[in-house]
Amino acid sequence: IESTLNEIEDEDGLARKAADAGIKRYVRYDGKEKREKLAQFLYRKGYSWDTIKEVLDELIPHK
């Protein structure tokens, strides 16, 4: 069980790092469009939708 939890935490951390790097590409976009672009970027990197949603909620909160 602990191994699985560590893998999930590792995936979240890696997704956050990727999002931090990727968000620089989408500076010109606002709100919803920025969330969509960054979600697509992370999805192409292979992250799950659950992980992507968590990361986006931290970085770009809904208004």
PDB file of N, CA and C in Angstrom:
ATOM      1  N   ILE A   1       0.839  -1.195   0.000  1.00  0.00           N
ATOM      2  CA  ILE A   1       0.000   0.000   0.000  1.00  0.00           C
ATOM      3  C   ILE A   1       0.877   1.250   0.000  1.00  0.00           C
ATOM      4  N   GLU A   2       1.916   1.239   0.831  1.00  0.00           N
ATOM      5  CA  GLU A   2       2.795   2.412   0.903  1.00  0.00           C
ATOM      6  C   GLU A   2       3.492   2.658  -0.428  1.00  0.00           C
ATOM      7  N   SER A   3       3.859   1.590  -1.097  1.00  0.00           N
ATOM      8  CA  SER A   3       4.517   1.719  -2.395  1.00  0.00           C
ATOM      9  C   SER A   3       3.612   2.417  -3.402  1.00  0.00           C
ATOM     10  N   THR A   4       2.346   2.037  -3.409  1.00  0.00           N
ATOM     11  CA  THR A   4       1.378   2.652  -4.322  1.00  0.00           C
ATOM     12  C   THR A   4       1.186   4.124  -3.990  1.00  0.00           C
ATOM     13  N   LEU A   5       1.091   4.447  -2.703  1.00  0.00           N
ATOM     14  CA  LEU A   5       0.933   5.847  -2.296  1.00  0.00           C
ATOM     15  C   LEU A   5       2.148   6.673  -2.700  1.00  0.00           C
ATOM     16  N   ASN A   6       3.332   6.099  -2.555  1.00  0.00           N
ATOM     17  CA  ASN A   6       4.549   6.813  -2.960  1.00  0.00           C
ATOM     18  C   ASN A   6       4.576   7.059  -4.460  1.00  0.00           C
ATOM     19  N   GLU A   7       4.112   6.082  -5.242  1.00  0.00           N
ATOM     20  CA  GLU A   7       4.054   6.260  -6.690  1.00  0.00           C
ATOM     21  C   GLU A   7       3.105   7.388  -7.065  1.00  0.00           C
ATOM     22  N   ILE A   8       1.967   7.457  -6.387  1.00  0.00           N
ATOM     23  CA  ILE A   8       0.988   8.516  -6.654  1.00  0.00           C
ATOM     24  C   ILE A   8       1.584   9.871  -6.311  1.00  0.00           C
ATOM     25  N   GLU A   9       2.252   9.959  -5.162  1.00  0.00           N
ATOM     26  CA  GLU A   9       2.872  11.223  -4.764  1.00  0.00           C
ATOM     27  C   GLU A   9       3.966  11.622  -5.746  1.00  0.00           C
ATOM     28  N   ASP A  10       4.736  10.636  -6.213  1.00  0.00           N
ATOM     29  CA  ASP A  10       5.783  10.921  -7.194  1.00  0.00           C
ATOM     30  C   ASP A  10       5.183  11.451  -8.494  1.00  0.00           C
ATOM     31  N   GLU A  11       4.085  10.838  -8.941  1.00  0.00           N
ATOM     32  CA  GLU A  11       3.436  11.286 -10.177  1.00  0.00           C
ATOM     33  C   GLU A  11       2.930  12.717 -10.019  1.00  0.00           C
ATOM     34  N   ASP A  12       2.344  13.031  -8.870  1.00  0.00           N
ATOM     35  CA  ASP A  12       1.859  14.388  -8.627  1.00  0.00           C
ATOM     36  C   ASP A  12       3.012  15.389  -8.652  1.00  0.00           C
ATOM     37  N   GLY A  13       4.116  15.043  -8.016  1.00  0.00           N
ATOM     38  CA  GLY A  13       5.275  15.931  -7.995  1.00  0.00           C
ATOM     39  C   GLY A  13       5.856  16.151  -9.380  1.00  0.00           C
ATOM     40  N   LEU A  14       5.957  15.081 -10.144  1.00  0.00           N
ATOM     41  CA  LEU A  14       6.471  15.200 -11.511  1.00  0.00           C
ATOM     42  C   LEU A  14       5.525  16.016 -12.386  1.00  0.00           C
ATOM     43  N   ALA A  15       4.233  15.825 -12.195  1.00  0.00           N
ATOM     44  CA  ALA A  15       3.249  16.586 -12.971  1.00  0.00           C
ATOM     45  C   ALA A  15       3.339  18.068 -12.630  1.00  0.00           C
ATOM     46  N   ARG A  16       3.548  18.389 -11.359  1.00  0.00           N
ATOM     47  CA  ARG A  16       3.683  19.797 -10.963  1.00  0.00           C
ATOM     48  C   ARG A  16       4.916  20.425 -11.603  1.00  0.00           C
ATOM     49  N   LYS A  17       6.011  19.688 -11.611  1.00  0.00           N
ATOM     50  CA  LYS A  17       7.236  20.207 -12.241  1.00  0.00           C
ATOM     51  C   LYS A  17       7.026  20.427 -13.735  1.00  0.00           C
ATOM     52  N   ALA A  18       6.379  19.471 -14.387  1.00  0.00           N
ATOM     53  CA  ALA A  18       6.102  19.607 -15.820  1.00  0.00           C
ATOM     54  C   ALA A  18       5.174  20.784 -16.070  1.00  0.00           C
ATOM     55  N   ALA A  19       4.175  20.958 -15.208  1.00  0.00           N
ATOM     56  CA  ALA A  19       3.231  22.067 -15.365  1.00  0.00           C
ATOM     57  C   ALA A  19       3.934  23.404 -15.165  1.00  0.00           C
ATOM     58  N   ASP A  20       4.828  23.473 -14.183  1.00  0.00           N
ATOM     59  CA  ASP A  20       5.578  24.714 -13.962  1.00  0.00           C
ATOM     60  C   ASP A  20       6.390  25.082 -15.199  1.00  0.00           C
ATOM     61  N   ALA A  21       6.979  24.084 -15.822  1.00  0.00           N
ATOM     62  CA  ALA A  21       7.751  24.335 -17.041  1.00  0.00           C
ATOM     63  C   ALA A  21       6.828  24.665 -18.209  1.00  0.00           C
ATOM     64  N   GLY A  22       5.724  23.961 -18.322  1.00  0.00           N
ATOM     65  CA  GLY A  22       4.809  24.143 -19.445  1.00  0.00           C
ATOM     66  C   GLY A  22       3.996  25.412 -19.385  1.00  0.00           C
ATOM     67  N   ILE A  23       3.730  25.907 -18.179  1.00  0.00           N
ATOM     68  CA  ILE A  23       2.865  27.085 -18.043  1.00  0.00           C
ATOM     69  C   ILE A  23       3.505  28.315 -18.686  1.00  0.00           C
ATOM     70  N   LYS A  24       4.810  28.321 -18.781  1.00  0.00           N
ATOM     71  CA  LYS A  24       5.512  29.445 -19.409  1.00  0.00           C
ATOM     72  C   LYS A  24       5.136  29.582 -20.882  1.00  0.00           C
ATOM     73  N   ARG A  25       4.756  28.471 -21.496  1.00  0.00           N
ATOM     74  CA  ARG A  25       4.365  28.495 -22.908  1.00  0.00           C
ATOM     75  C   ARG A  25       3.021  29.182 -23.124  1.00  0.00           C
ATOM     76  N   TYR A  26       2.218  29.235 -22.082  1.00  0.00           N
ATOM     77  CA  TYR A  26       0.833  29.692 -22.233  1.00  0.00           C
ATOM     78  C   TYR A  26       0.562  31.002 -21.495  1.00  0.00           C
ATOM     79  N   VAL A  27       1.570  31.828 -21.365  1.00  0.00           N
ATOM     80  CA  VAL A  27       1.442  33.105 -20.660  1.00  0.00           C
ATOM     81  C   VAL A  27       0.406  34.004 -21.323  1.00  0.00           C
ATOM     82  N   ARG A  28       0.312  33.952 -22.628  1.00  0.00           N
ATOM     83  CA  ARG A  28      -0.586  34.869 -23.345  1.00  0.00           C
ATOM     84  C   ARG A  28      -2.059  34.494 -23.211  1.00  0.00           C
ATOM     85  N   TYR A  29      -2.338  33.316 -22.667  1.00  0.00           N
ATOM     86  CA  TYR A  29      -3.726  32.874 -22.509  1.00  0.00           C
ATOM     87  C   TYR A  29      -4.235  33.193 -21.107  1.00  0.00           C
ATOM     88  N   ASP A  30      -5.548  33.327 -20.985  1.00  0.00           N
ATOM     89  CA  ASP A  30      -6.158  33.595 -19.688  1.00  0.00           C
ATOM     90  C   ASP A  30      -7.082  32.465 -19.276  1.00  0.00           C
ATOM     91  N   GLY A  31      -7.252  32.324 -17.971  1.00  0.00           N
ATOM     92  CA  GLY A  31      -8.248  31.467 -17.360  1.00  0.00           C
ATOM     93  C   GLY A  31      -8.481  30.116 -17.992  1.00  0.00           C
ATOM     94  N   LYS A  32      -9.693  29.953 -18.527  1.00  0.00           N
ATOM     95  CA  LYS A  32     -10.134  28.665 -19.048  1.00  0.00           C
ATOM     96  C   LYS A  32      -9.233  28.167 -20.176  1.00  0.00           C
ATOM     97  N   GLU A  33      -8.865  29.058 -21.073  1.00  0.00           N
ATOM     98  CA  GLU A  33      -8.037  28.651 -22.209  1.00  0.00           C
ATOM     99  C   GLU A  33      -6.654  28.192 -21.739  1.00  0.00           C
ATOM    100  N   LYS A  34      -6.089  28.879 -20.741  1.00  0.00           N
ATOM    101  CA  LYS A  34      -4.792  28.480 -20.200  1.00  0.00           C
ATOM    102  C   LYS A  34      -4.893  27.103 -19.542  1.00  0.00           C
ATOM    103  N   ARG A  35      -5.981  26.869 -18.789  1.00  0.00           N
ATOM    104  CA  ARG A  35      -6.201  25.558 -18.157  1.00  0.00           C
ATOM    105  C   ARG A  35      -6.288  24.462 -19.216  1.00  0.00           C
ATOM    106  N   GLU A  36      -7.028  24.732 -20.290  1.00  0.00           N
ATOM    107  CA  GLU A  36      -7.191  23.729 -21.347  1.00  0.00           C
ATOM    108  C   GLU A  36      -5.862  23.417 -22.027  1.00  0.00           C
ATOM    109  N   LYS A  37      -5.101  24.451 -22.340  1.00  0.00           N
ATOM    110  CA  LYS A  37      -3.813  24.258 -23.012  1.00  0.00           C
ATOM    111  C   LYS A  37      -2.850  23.473 -22.121  1.00  0.00           C
ATOM    112  N   LEU A  38      -2.797  23.837 -20.843  1.00  0.00           N
ATOM    113  CA  LEU A  38      -1.898  23.155 -19.921  1.00  0.00           C
ATOM    114  C   LEU A  38      -2.359  21.716 -19.680  1.00  0.00           C
ATOM    115  N   ALA A  39      -3.661  21.494 -19.626  1.00  0.00           N
ATOM    116  CA  ALA A  39      -4.190  20.131 -19.470  1.00  0.00           C
ATOM    117  C   ALA A  39      -3.789  19.270 -20.660  1.00  0.00           C
ATOM    118  N   GLN A  40      -3.908  19.814 -21.854  1.00  0.00           N
ATOM    119  CA  GLN A  40      -3.515  19.071 -23.054  1.00  0.00           C
ATOM    120  C   GLN A  40      -2.017  18.763 -23.038  1.00  0.00           C
ATOM    121  N   PHE A  41      -1.223  19.738 -22.608  1.00  0.00           N
ATOM    122  CA  PHE A  41       0.223  19.562 -22.503  1.00  0.00           C
ATOM    123  C   PHE A  41       0.555  18.405 -21.558  1.00  0.00           C
ATOM    124  N   LEU A  42      -0.058  18.402 -20.375  1.00  0.00           N
ATOM    125  CA  LEU A  42       0.212  17.352 -19.392  1.00  0.00           C
ATOM    126  C   LEU A  42      -0.309  15.992 -19.860  1.00  0.00           C
ATOM    127  N   TYR A  43      -1.452  15.996 -20.536  1.00  0.00           N
ATOM    128  CA  TYR A  43      -2.010  14.741 -21.044  1.00  0.00           C
ATOM    129  C   TYR A  43      -1.080  14.120 -22.087  1.00  0.00           C
ATOM    130  N   ARG A  44      -0.523  14.967 -22.947  1.00  0.00           N
ATOM    131  CA  ARG A  44       0.428  14.474 -23.948  1.00  0.00           C
ATOM    132  C   ARG A  44       1.693  13.915 -23.293  1.00  0.00           C
ATOM    133  N   LYS A  45       2.004  14.425 -22.096  1.00  0.00           N
ATOM    134  CA  LYS A  45       3.158  13.913 -21.352  1.00  0.00           C
ATOM    135  C   LYS A  45       2.843  12.584 -20.665  1.00  0.00           C
ATOM    136  N   GLY A  46       1.563  12.187 -20.655  1.00  0.00           N
ATOM    137  CA  GLY A  46       1.195  10.878 -20.117  1.00  0.00           C
ATOM    138  C   GLY A  46       0.586  10.873 -18.733  1.00  0.00           C
ATOM    139  N   TYR A  47       0.224  12.045 -18.211  1.00  0.00           N
ATOM    140  CA  TYR A  47      -0.369  12.101 -16.875  1.00  0.00           C
ATOM    141  C   TYR A  47      -1.862  11.801 -16.935  1.00  0.00           C
ATOM    142  N   SER A  48      -2.377  11.225 -15.846  1.00  0.00           N
ATOM    143  CA  SER A  48      -3.803  10.893 -15.781  1.00  0.00           C
ATOM    144  C   SER A  48      -4.628  12.166 -15.599  1.00  0.00           C
ATOM    145  N   TRP A  49      -5.903  12.086 -15.979  1.00  0.00           N
ATOM    146  CA  TRP A  49      -6.779  13.249 -15.861  1.00  0.00           C
ATOM    147  C   TRP A  49      -6.956  13.655 -14.402  1.00  0.00           C
ATOM    148  N   ASP A  50      -6.966  12.685 -13.480  1.00  0.00           N
ATOM    149  CA  ASP A  50      -7.100  13.017 -12.055  1.00  0.00           C
ATOM    150  C   ASP A  50      -5.905  13.837 -11.576  1.00  0.00           C
ATOM    151  N   THR A  51      -4.724  13.428 -11.967  1.00  0.00           N
ATOM    152  CA  THR A  51      -3.511  14.152 -11.594  1.00  0.00           C
ATOM    153  C   THR A  51      -3.499  15.538 -12.226  1.00  0.00           C
ATOM    154  N   ILE A  52      -3.879  15.618 -13.482  1.00  0.00           N
ATOM    155  CA  ILE A  52      -3.914  16.900 -14.190  1.00  0.00           C
ATOM    156  C   ILE A  52      -4.868  17.861 -13.494  1.00  0.00           C
ATOM    157  N   LYS A  53      -6.045  17.381 -13.117  1.00  0.00           N
ATOM    158  CA  LYS A  53      -7.028  18.241 -12.452  1.00  0.00           C
ATOM    159  C   LYS A  53      -6.481  18.780 -11.136  1.00  0.00           C
ATOM    160  N   GLU A  54      -5.832  17.923 -10.350  1.00  0.00           N
ATOM    161  CA  GLU A  54      -5.264  18.366  -9.075  1.00  0.00           C
ATOM    162  C   GLU A  54      -4.222  19.460  -9.290  1.00  0.00           C
ATOM    163  N   VAL A  55      -3.343  19.250 -10.249  1.00  0.00           N
ATOM    164  CA  VAL A  55      -2.278  20.218 -10.524  1.00  0.00           C
ATOM    165  C   VAL A  55      -2.867  21.534 -11.026  1.00  0.00           C
ATOM    166  N   LEU A  56      -3.823  21.457 -11.935  1.00  0.00           N
ATOM    167  CA  LEU A  56      -4.435  22.675 -12.473  1.00  0.00           C
ATOM    168  C   LEU A  56      -5.181  23.448 -11.396  1.00  0.00           C
ATOM    169  N   ASP A  57      -5.858  22.736 -10.496  1.00  0.00           N
ATOM    170  CA  ASP A  57      -6.577  23.416  -9.419  1.00  0.00           C
ATOM    171  C   ASP A  57      -5.621  24.177  -8.508  1.00  0.00           C
ATOM    172  N   GLU A  58      -4.402  23.679  -8.355  1.00  0.00           N
ATOM    173  CA  GLU A  58      -3.400  24.380  -7.551  1.00  0.00           C
ATOM    174  C   GLU A  58      -2.820  25.583  -8.294  1.00  0.00           C
ATOM    175  N   LEU A  59      -2.505  25.389  -9.571  1.00  0.00           N
ATOM    176  CA  LEU A  59      -1.818  26.436 -10.332  1.00  0.00           C
ATOM    177  C   LEU A  59      -2.749  27.509 -10.881  1.00  0.00           C
ATOM    178  N   ILE A  60      -3.903  27.084 -11.386  1.00  0.00           N
ATOM    179  CA  ILE A  60      -4.832  28.011 -12.035  1.00  0.00           C
ATOM    180  C   ILE A  60      -6.223  27.767 -11.456  1.00  0.00           C
ATOM    181  N   PRO A  61      -6.529  28.381 -10.320  1.00  0.00           N
ATOM    182  CA  PRO A  61      -7.835  28.140  -9.698  1.00  0.00           C
ATOM    183  C   PRO A  61      -8.983  28.633 -10.576  1.00  0.00           C
ATOM    184  N   HIS A  62     -10.132  27.958 -10.444  1.00  0.00           N
ATOM    185  CA  HIS A  62     -11.336  28.414 -11.154  1.00  0.00           C
ATOM    186  C   HIS A  62     -11.765  29.752 -10.575  1.00  0.00           C
ATOM    187  N   LYS A  63     -12.319  30.599 -11.435  1.00  0.00           N
ATOM    188  CA  LYS A  63     -12.794  31.908 -10.955  1.00  0.00           C
ATOM    189  C   LYS A  63     -14.257  31.866 -10.689  1.00  0.00           C
TER     190      LYS A  63
END
